[in-house]
Amino acid sequence: MIRKQEEAELEYVKMKDFLSFYAEGYLKTDGLPPDKQPMASLETLEKKNMKTAFNGLRQAINDCVEMSEHFDRAEVRN
């Protein structure tokens, strides 16, 4: 059981790192108040309920994938 929990925690950290990277480089968040920024919203969810935060993070990652489907190689940051 502990092993599964550790794996879930590691997965969460990796997904959170990805969302931070993607939000910083590709999401248009100009004009959003600080508490509505993607990472701030996730951290608010974390304080309320980690299961909800995990589910929300997965959905956010799925949204990032959908938004990036149209990228061509010239748009991808190196």
PDB file of N, CA and C in Angstrom:
ATOM      1  N   MET A   1       0.826  -1.207   0.000  1.00  0.00           N
ATOM      2  CA  MET A   1       0.000   0.000   0.000  1.00  0.00           C
ATOM      3  C   MET A   1       0.869   1.270   0.000  1.00  0.00           C
ATOM      4  N   ILE A   2       1.916   1.248   0.790  1.00  0.00           N
ATOM      5  CA  ILE A   2       2.787   2.416   0.856  1.00  0.00           C
ATOM      6  C   ILE A   2       3.450   2.657  -0.497  1.00  0.00           C
ATOM      7  N   ARG A   3       3.836   1.602  -1.159  1.00  0.00           N
ATOM      8  CA  ARG A   3       4.478   1.717  -2.483  1.00  0.00           C
ATOM      9  C   ARG A   3       3.547   2.413  -3.477  1.00  0.00           C
ATOM     10  N   LYS A   4       2.295   2.029  -3.475  1.00  0.00           N
ATOM     11  CA  LYS A   4       1.319   2.653  -4.385  1.00  0.00           C
ATOM     12  C   LYS A   4       1.143   4.131  -4.064  1.00  0.00           C
ATOM     13  N   GLN A   5       1.126   4.453  -2.790  1.00  0.00           N
ATOM     14  CA  GLN A   5       0.992   5.848  -2.384  1.00  0.00           C
ATOM     15  C   GLN A   5       2.216   6.659  -2.818  1.00  0.00           C
ATOM     16  N   GLU A   6       3.399   6.081  -2.662  1.00  0.00           N
ATOM     17  CA  GLU A   6       4.615   6.758  -3.105  1.00  0.00           C
ATOM     18  C   GLU A   6       4.603   6.978  -4.615  1.00  0.00           C
ATOM     19  N   GLU A   7       4.135   5.994  -5.365  1.00  0.00           N
ATOM     20  CA  GLU A   7       4.041   6.122  -6.818  1.00  0.00           C
ATOM     21  C   GLU A   7       3.051   7.220  -7.201  1.00  0.00           C
ATOM     22  N   ALA A   8       1.933   7.285  -6.501  1.00  0.00           N
ATOM     23  CA  ALA A   8       0.935   8.321  -6.775  1.00  0.00           C
ATOM     24  C   ALA A   8       1.498   9.706  -6.455  1.00  0.00           C
ATOM     25  N   GLU A   9       2.233   9.807  -5.369  1.00  0.00           N
ATOM     26  CA  GLU A   9       2.829  11.092  -5.002  1.00  0.00           C
ATOM     27  C   GLU A   9       3.870  11.530  -6.032  1.00  0.00           C
ATOM     28  N   LEU A  10       4.676  10.584  -6.508  1.00  0.00           N
ATOM     29  CA  LEU A  10       5.673  10.893  -7.529  1.00  0.00           C
ATOM     30  C   LEU A  10       4.995  11.320  -8.835  1.00  0.00           C
ATOM     31  N   GLU A  11       3.937  10.617  -9.209  1.00  0.00           N
ATOM     32  CA  GLU A  11       3.189  10.982 -10.410  1.00  0.00           C
ATOM     33  C   GLU A  11       2.624  12.392 -10.276  1.00  0.00           C
ATOM     34  N   TYR A  12       2.105  12.714  -9.107  1.00  0.00           N
ATOM     35  CA  TYR A  12       1.532  14.039  -8.867  1.00  0.00           C
ATOM     36  C   TYR A  12       2.607  15.115  -9.031  1.00  0.00           C
ATOM     37  N   VAL A  13       3.769  14.892  -8.440  1.00  0.00           N
ATOM     38  CA  VAL A  13       4.860  15.864  -8.524  1.00  0.00           C
ATOM     39  C   VAL A  13       5.283  16.077  -9.975  1.00  0.00           C
ATOM     40  N   LYS A  14       5.401  15.002 -10.723  1.00  0.00           N
ATOM     41  CA  LYS A  14       5.787  15.109 -12.136  1.00  0.00           C
ATOM     42  C   LYS A  14       4.735  15.872 -12.939  1.00  0.00           C
ATOM     43  N   MET A  15       3.464  15.570 -12.701  1.00  0.00           N
ATOM     44  CA  MET A  15       2.397  16.275 -13.428  1.00  0.00           C
ATOM     45  C   MET A  15       2.360  17.748 -13.036  1.00  0.00           C
ATOM     46  N   LYS A  16       2.571  18.028 -11.761  1.00  0.00           N
ATOM     47  CA  LYS A  16       2.569  19.421 -11.300  1.00  0.00           C
ATOM     48  C   LYS A  16       3.729  20.188 -11.937  1.00  0.00           C
ATOM     49  N   ASP A  17       4.900  19.546 -12.025  1.00  0.00           N
ATOM     50  CA  ASP A  17       6.044  20.182 -12.687  1.00  0.00           C
ATOM     51  C   ASP A  17       5.730  20.470 -14.150  1.00  0.00           C
ATOM     52  N   PHE A  18       5.083  19.511 -14.822  1.00  0.00           N
ATOM     53  CA  PHE A  18       4.725  19.723 -16.222  1.00  0.00           C
ATOM     54  C   PHE A  18       3.749  20.889 -16.362  1.00  0.00           C
ATOM     55  N   LEU A  19       2.730  20.920 -15.504  1.00  0.00           N
ATOM     56  CA  LEU A  19       1.752  22.007 -15.600  1.00  0.00           C
ATOM     57  C   LEU A  19       2.424  23.356 -15.385  1.00  0.00           C
ATOM     58  N   SER A  20       3.340  23.423 -14.439  1.00  0.00           N
ATOM     59  CA  SER A  20       4.062  24.667 -14.189  1.00  0.00           C
ATOM     60  C   SER A  20       4.835  25.093 -15.438  1.00  0.00           C
ATOM     61  N   PHE A  21       5.552  24.153 -16.047  1.00  0.00           N
ATOM     62  CA  PHE A  21       6.306  24.424 -17.270  1.00  0.00           C
ATOM     63  C   PHE A  21       5.387  24.884 -18.394  1.00  0.00           C
ATOM     64  N   TYR A  22       4.307  24.151 -18.603  1.00  0.00           N
ATOM     65  CA  TYR A  22       3.400  24.456 -19.709  1.00  0.00           C
ATOM     66  C   TYR A  22       2.706  25.801 -19.483  1.00  0.00           C
ATOM     67  N   ALA A  23       2.246  26.029 -18.278  1.00  0.00           N
ATOM     68  CA  ALA A  23       1.548  27.283 -17.973  1.00  0.00           C
ATOM     69  C   ALA A  23       2.468  28.480 -18.188  1.00  0.00           C
ATOM     70  N   GLU A  24       3.707  28.343 -17.753  1.00  0.00           N
ATOM     71  CA  GLU A  24       4.666  29.438 -17.882  1.00  0.00           C
ATOM     72  C   GLU A  24       5.010  29.737 -19.338  1.00  0.00           C
ATOM     73  N   GLY A  25       5.098  28.697 -20.147  1.00  0.00           N
ATOM     74  CA  GLY A  25       5.550  28.895 -21.519  1.00  0.00           C
ATOM     75  C   GLY A  25       4.469  29.015 -22.573  1.00  0.00           C
ATOM     76  N   TYR A  26       3.288  28.460 -22.301  1.00  0.00           N
ATOM     77  CA  TYR A  26       2.308  28.342 -23.385  1.00  0.00           C
ATOM     78  C   TYR A  26       0.912  28.883 -23.077  1.00  0.00           C
ATOM     79  N   LEU A  27       0.566  29.035 -21.833  1.00  0.00           N
ATOM     80  CA  LEU A  27      -0.776  29.525 -21.520  1.00  0.00           C
ATOM     81  C   LEU A  27      -0.777  31.039 -21.463  1.00  0.00           C
ATOM     82  N   LYS A  28      -1.812  31.614 -21.991  1.00  0.00           N
ATOM     83  CA  LYS A  28      -1.954  33.059 -21.941  1.00  0.00           C
ATOM     84  C   LYS A  28      -2.700  33.411 -20.646  1.00  0.00           C
ATOM     85  N   THR A  29      -1.923  33.771 -19.638  1.00  0.00           N
ATOM     86  CA  THR A  29      -2.520  34.059 -18.336  1.00  0.00           C
ATOM     87  C   THR A  29      -2.404  35.535 -17.967  1.00  0.00           C
ATOM     88  N   ASP A  30      -1.926  36.340 -18.910  1.00  0.00           N
ATOM     89  CA  ASP A  30      -1.829  37.773 -18.650  1.00  0.00           C
ATOM     90  C   ASP A  30      -3.203  38.312 -18.286  1.00  0.00           C
ATOM     91  N   GLY A  31      -3.256  39.115 -17.283  1.00  0.00           N
ATOM     92  CA  GLY A  31      -4.522  39.699 -16.876  1.00  0.00           C
ATOM     93  C   GLY A  31      -5.274  38.889 -15.844  1.00  0.00           C
ATOM     94  N   LEU A  32      -4.874  37.641 -15.639  1.00  0.00           N
ATOM     95  CA  LEU A  32      -5.526  36.854 -14.594  1.00  0.00           C
ATOM     96  C   LEU A  32      -5.006  37.311 -13.234  1.00  0.00           C
ATOM     97  N   PRO A  33      -5.888  37.444 -12.266  1.00  0.00           N
ATOM     98  CA  PRO A  33      -5.407  37.784 -10.923  1.00  0.00           C
ATOM     99  C   PRO A  33      -4.505  36.665 -10.397  1.00  0.00           C
ATOM    100  N   PRO A  34      -3.581  37.005  -9.508  1.00  0.00           N
ATOM    101  CA  PRO A  34      -2.638  35.994  -9.004  1.00  0.00           C
ATOM    102  C   PRO A  34      -3.314  34.738  -8.459  1.00  0.00           C
ATOM    103  N   ASP A  35      -4.449  34.877  -7.809  1.00  0.00           N
ATOM    104  CA  ASP A  35      -5.113  33.701  -7.228  1.00  0.00           C
ATOM    105  C   ASP A  35      -5.830  32.846  -8.265  1.00  0.00           C
ATOM    106  N   LYS A  36      -5.928  33.324  -9.497  1.00  0.00           N
ATOM    107  CA  LYS A  36      -6.568  32.564 -10.580  1.00  0.00           C
ATOM    108  C   LYS A  36      -5.555  31.960 -11.546  1.00  0.00           C
ATOM    109  N   GLN A  37      -4.262  32.206 -11.311  1.00  0.00           N
ATOM    110  CA  GLN A  37      -3.221  31.602 -12.123  1.00  0.00           C
ATOM    111  C   GLN A  37      -3.288  30.086 -11.944  1.00  0.00           C
ATOM    112  N   PRO A  38      -2.900  29.309 -12.956  1.00  0.00           N
ATOM    113  CA  PRO A  38      -3.031  27.847 -12.875  1.00  0.00           C
ATOM    114  C   PRO A  38      -2.407  27.217 -11.627  1.00  0.00           C
ATOM    115  N   MET A  39      -1.195  27.592 -11.297  1.00  0.00           N
ATOM    116  CA  MET A  39      -0.537  26.954 -10.157  1.00  0.00           C
ATOM    117  C   MET A  39      -1.171  27.397  -8.836  1.00  0.00           C
ATOM    118  N   ALA A  40      -1.594  28.626  -8.752  1.00  0.00           N
ATOM    119  CA  ALA A  40      -2.259  29.097  -7.534  1.00  0.00           C
ATOM    120  C   ALA A  40      -3.592  28.382  -7.353  1.00  0.00           C
ATOM    121  N   SER A  41      -4.313  28.181  -8.440  1.00  0.00           N
ATOM    122  CA  SER A  41      -5.589  27.461  -8.367  1.00  0.00           C
ATOM    123  C   SER A  41      -5.373  26.025  -7.904  1.00  0.00           C
ATOM    124  N   LEU A  42      -4.325  25.390  -8.424  1.00  0.00           N
ATOM    125  CA  LEU A  42      -4.020  24.018  -8.019  1.00  0.00           C
ATOM    126  C   LEU A  42      -3.659  23.967  -6.536  1.00  0.00           C
ATOM    127  N   GLU A  43      -2.856  24.894  -6.078  1.00  0.00           N
ATOM    128  CA  GLU A  43      -2.456  24.912  -4.679  1.00  0.00           C
ATOM    129  C   GLU A  43      -3.643  25.151  -3.749  1.00  0.00           C
ATOM    130  N   THR A  44      -4.607  25.926  -4.196  1.00  0.00           N
ATOM    131  CA  THR A  44      -5.832  26.110  -3.418  1.00  0.00           C
ATOM    132  C   THR A  44      -6.582  24.791  -3.311  1.00  0.00           C
ATOM    133  N   LEU A  45      -6.678  24.070  -4.421  1.00  0.00           N
ATOM    134  CA  LEU A  45      -7.318  22.749  -4.397  1.00  0.00           C
ATOM    135  C   LEU A  45      -6.581  21.787  -3.471  1.00  0.00           C
ATOM    136  N   GLU A  46      -5.258  21.835  -3.487  1.00  0.00           N
ATOM    137  CA  GLU A  46      -4.459  20.954  -2.633  1.00  0.00           C
ATOM    138  C   GLU A  46      -4.801  21.152  -1.161  1.00  0.00           C
ATOM    139  N   LYS A  47      -5.009  22.391  -0.777  1.00  0.00           N
ATOM    140  CA  LYS A  47      -5.326  22.694   0.628  1.00  0.00           C
ATOM    141  C   LYS A  47      -6.703  22.179   1.023  1.00  0.00           C
ATOM    142  N   LYS A  48      -7.607  22.143   0.054  1.00  0.00           N
ATOM    143  CA  LYS A  48      -8.972  21.693   0.338  1.00  0.00           C
ATOM    144  C   LYS A  48      -9.089  20.176   0.315  1.00  0.00           C
ATOM    145  N   ASN A  49      -8.534  19.552  -0.744  1.00  0.00           N
ATOM    146  CA  ASN A  49      -8.718  18.111  -0.906  1.00  0.00           C
ATOM    147  C   ASN A  49      -7.736  17.609  -1.960  1.00  0.00           C
ATOM    148  N   MET A  50      -6.799  16.762  -1.536  1.00  0.00           N
ATOM    149  CA  MET A  50      -5.772  16.280  -2.468  1.00  0.00           C
ATOM    150  C   MET A  50      -6.353  15.414  -3.579  1.00  0.00           C
ATOM    151  N   LYS A  51      -7.381  14.650  -3.295  1.00  0.00           N
ATOM    152  CA  LYS A  51      -7.973  13.823  -4.345  1.00  0.00           C
ATOM    153  C   LYS A  51      -8.573  14.712  -5.438  1.00  0.00           C
ATOM    154  N   THR A  52      -9.250  15.766  -5.025  1.00  0.00           N
ATOM    155  CA  THR A  52      -9.811  16.717  -5.985  1.00  0.00           C
ATOM    156  C   THR A  52      -8.689  17.411  -6.754  1.00  0.00           C
ATOM    157  N   ALA A  53      -7.619  17.753  -6.051  1.00  0.00           N
ATOM    158  CA  ALA A  53      -6.474  18.398  -6.707  1.00  0.00           C
ATOM    159  C   ALA A  53      -5.860  17.461  -7.742  1.00  0.00           C
ATOM    160  N   PHE A  54      -5.716  16.183  -7.386  1.00  0.00           N
ATOM    161  CA  PHE A  54      -5.139  15.198  -8.312  1.00  0.00           C
ATOM    162  C   PHE A  54      -6.010  15.080  -9.560  1.00  0.00           C
ATOM    163  N   ASN A  55      -7.307  14.975  -9.360  1.00  0.00           N
ATOM    164  CA  ASN A  55      -8.225  14.876 -10.503  1.00  0.00           C
ATOM    165  C   ASN A  55      -8.196  16.147 -11.354  1.00  0.00           C
ATOM    166  N   GLY A  56      -8.160  17.288 -10.701  1.00  0.00           N
ATOM    167  CA  GLY A  56      -8.095  18.559 -11.424  1.00  0.00           C
ATOM    168  C   GLY A  56      -6.803  18.696 -12.207  1.00  0.00           C
ATOM    169  N   LEU A  57      -5.705  18.224 -11.602  1.00  0.00           N
ATOM    170  CA  LEU A  57      -4.413  18.279 -12.280  1.00  0.00           C
ATOM    171  C   LEU A  57      -4.419  17.376 -13.509  1.00  0.00           C
ATOM    172  N   ARG A  58      -4.978  16.199 -13.380  1.00  0.00           N
ATOM    173  CA  ARG A  58      -5.070  15.307 -14.552  1.00  0.00           C
ATOM    174  C   ARG A  58      -5.874  15.964 -15.670  1.00  0.00           C
ATOM    175  N   GLN A  59      -6.976  16.595 -15.321  1.00  0.00           N
ATOM    176  CA  GLN A  59      -7.796  17.261 -16.334  1.00  0.00           C
ATOM    177  C   GLN A  59      -7.016  18.406 -16.979  1.00  0.00           C
ATOM    178  N   ALA A  60      -6.282  19.153 -16.167  1.00  0.00           N
ATOM    179  CA  ALA A  60      -5.488  20.261 -16.702  1.00  0.00           C
ATOM    180  C   ALA A  60      -4.428  19.746 -17.675  1.00  0.00           C
ATOM    181  N   ILE A  61      -3.787  18.617 -17.342  1.00  0.00           N
ATOM    182  CA  ILE A  61      -2.791  18.032 -18.243  1.00  0.00           C
ATOM    183  C   ILE A  61      -3.457  17.601 -19.546  1.00  0.00           C
ATOM    184  N   ASN A  62      -4.618  16.977 -19.447  1.00  0.00           N
ATOM    185  CA  ASN A  62      -5.356  16.590 -20.656  1.00  0.00           C
ATOM    186  C   ASN A  62      -5.674  17.810 -21.511  1.00  0.00           C
ATOM    187  N   ASP A  63      -6.075  18.890 -20.866  1.00  0.00           N
ATOM    188  CA  ASP A  63      -6.364  20.130 -21.600  1.00  0.00           C
ATOM    189  C   ASP A  63      -5.110  20.649 -22.300  1.00  0.00           C
ATOM    190  N   CYS A  64      -3.968  20.578 -21.615  1.00  0.00           N
ATOM    191  CA  CYS A  64      -2.702  21.022 -22.215  1.00  0.00           C
ATOM    192  C   CYS A  64      -2.383  20.198 -23.462  1.00  0.00           C
ATOM    193  N   VAL A  65      -2.584  18.904 -23.370  1.00  0.00           N
ATOM    194  CA  VAL A  65      -2.325  18.029 -24.524  1.00  0.00           C
ATOM    195  C   VAL A  65      -3.237  18.414 -25.683  1.00  0.00           C
ATOM    196  N   GLU A  66      -4.511  18.613 -25.400  1.00  0.00           N
ATOM    197  CA  GLU A  66      -5.457  19.001 -26.457  1.00  0.00           C
ATOM    198  C   GLU A  66      -5.061  20.338 -27.078  1.00  0.00           C
ATOM    199  N   MET A  67      -4.662  21.302 -26.246  1.00  0.00           N
ATOM    200  CA  MET A  67      -4.281  22.621 -26.766  1.00  0.00           C
ATOM    201  C   MET A  67      -3.020  22.557 -27.614  1.00  0.00           C
ATOM    202  N   SER A  68      -2.157  21.582 -27.346  1.00  0.00           N
ATOM    203  CA  SER A  68      -0.882  21.525 -28.057  1.00  0.00           C
ATOM    204  C   SER A  68      -0.927  20.657 -29.312  1.00  0.00           C
ATOM    205  N   GLU A  69      -2.044  20.027 -29.586  1.00  0.00           N
ATOM    206  CA  GLU A  69      -2.144  19.163 -30.760  1.00  0.00           C
ATOM    207  C   GLU A  69      -1.887  19.907 -32.071  1.00  0.00           C
ATOM    208  N   HIS A  70      -2.162  21.187 -32.094  1.00  0.00           N
ATOM    209  CA  HIS A  70      -1.985  21.958 -33.321  1.00  0.00           C
ATOM    210  C   HIS A  70      -0.572  22.529 -33.471  1.00  0.00           C
ATOM    211  N   PHE A  71       0.266  22.389 -32.460  1.00  0.00           N
ATOM    212  CA  PHE A  71       1.620  22.940 -32.531  1.00  0.00           C
ATOM    213  C   PHE A  71       2.376  22.327 -33.706  1.00  0.00           C
ATOM    214  N   ASP A  72       3.150  23.158 -34.370  1.00  0.00           N
ATOM    215  CA  ASP A  72       4.124  22.586 -35.291  1.00  0.00           C
ATOM    216  C   ASP A  72       5.494  22.746 -34.632  1.00  0.00           C
ATOM    217  N   ARG A  73       6.488  22.134 -35.201  1.00  0.00           N
ATOM    218  CA  ARG A  73       7.809  22.137 -34.547  1.00  0.00           C
ATOM    219  C   ARG A  73       8.355  23.537 -34.327  1.00  0.00           C
ATOM    220  N   ALA A  74       8.004  24.482 -35.168  1.00  0.00           N
ATOM    221  CA  ALA A  74       8.496  25.843 -35.031  1.00  0.00           C
ATOM    222  C   ALA A  74       7.940  26.514 -33.786  1.00  0.00           C
ATOM    223  N   GLU A  75       6.764  26.080 -33.317  1.00  0.00           N
ATOM    224  CA  GLU A  75       6.162  26.701 -32.141  1.00  0.00           C
ATOM    225  C   GLU A  75       6.700  26.156 -30.823  1.00  0.00           C
ATOM    226  N   VAL A  76       7.294  25.000 -30.858  1.00  0.00           N
ATOM    227  CA  VAL A  76       7.749  24.360 -29.629  1.00  0.00           C
ATOM    228  C   VAL A  76       9.030  25.009 -29.174  1.00  0.00           C
ATOM    229  N   ARG A  77       9.057  25.404 -27.907  1.00  0.00           N
ATOM    230  CA  ARG A  77      10.222  26.057 -27.336  1.00  0.00           C
ATOM    231  C   ARG A  77      11.308  25.022 -27.081  1.00  0.00           C
ATOM    232  N   ASN A  78      12.526  25.398 -27.346  1.00  0.00           N
ATOM    233  CA  ASN A  78      13.678  24.518 -27.054  1.00  0.00           C
ATOM    234  C   ASN A  78      14.353  24.961 -25.795  1.00  0.00           C
TER     235      ASN A  78
END
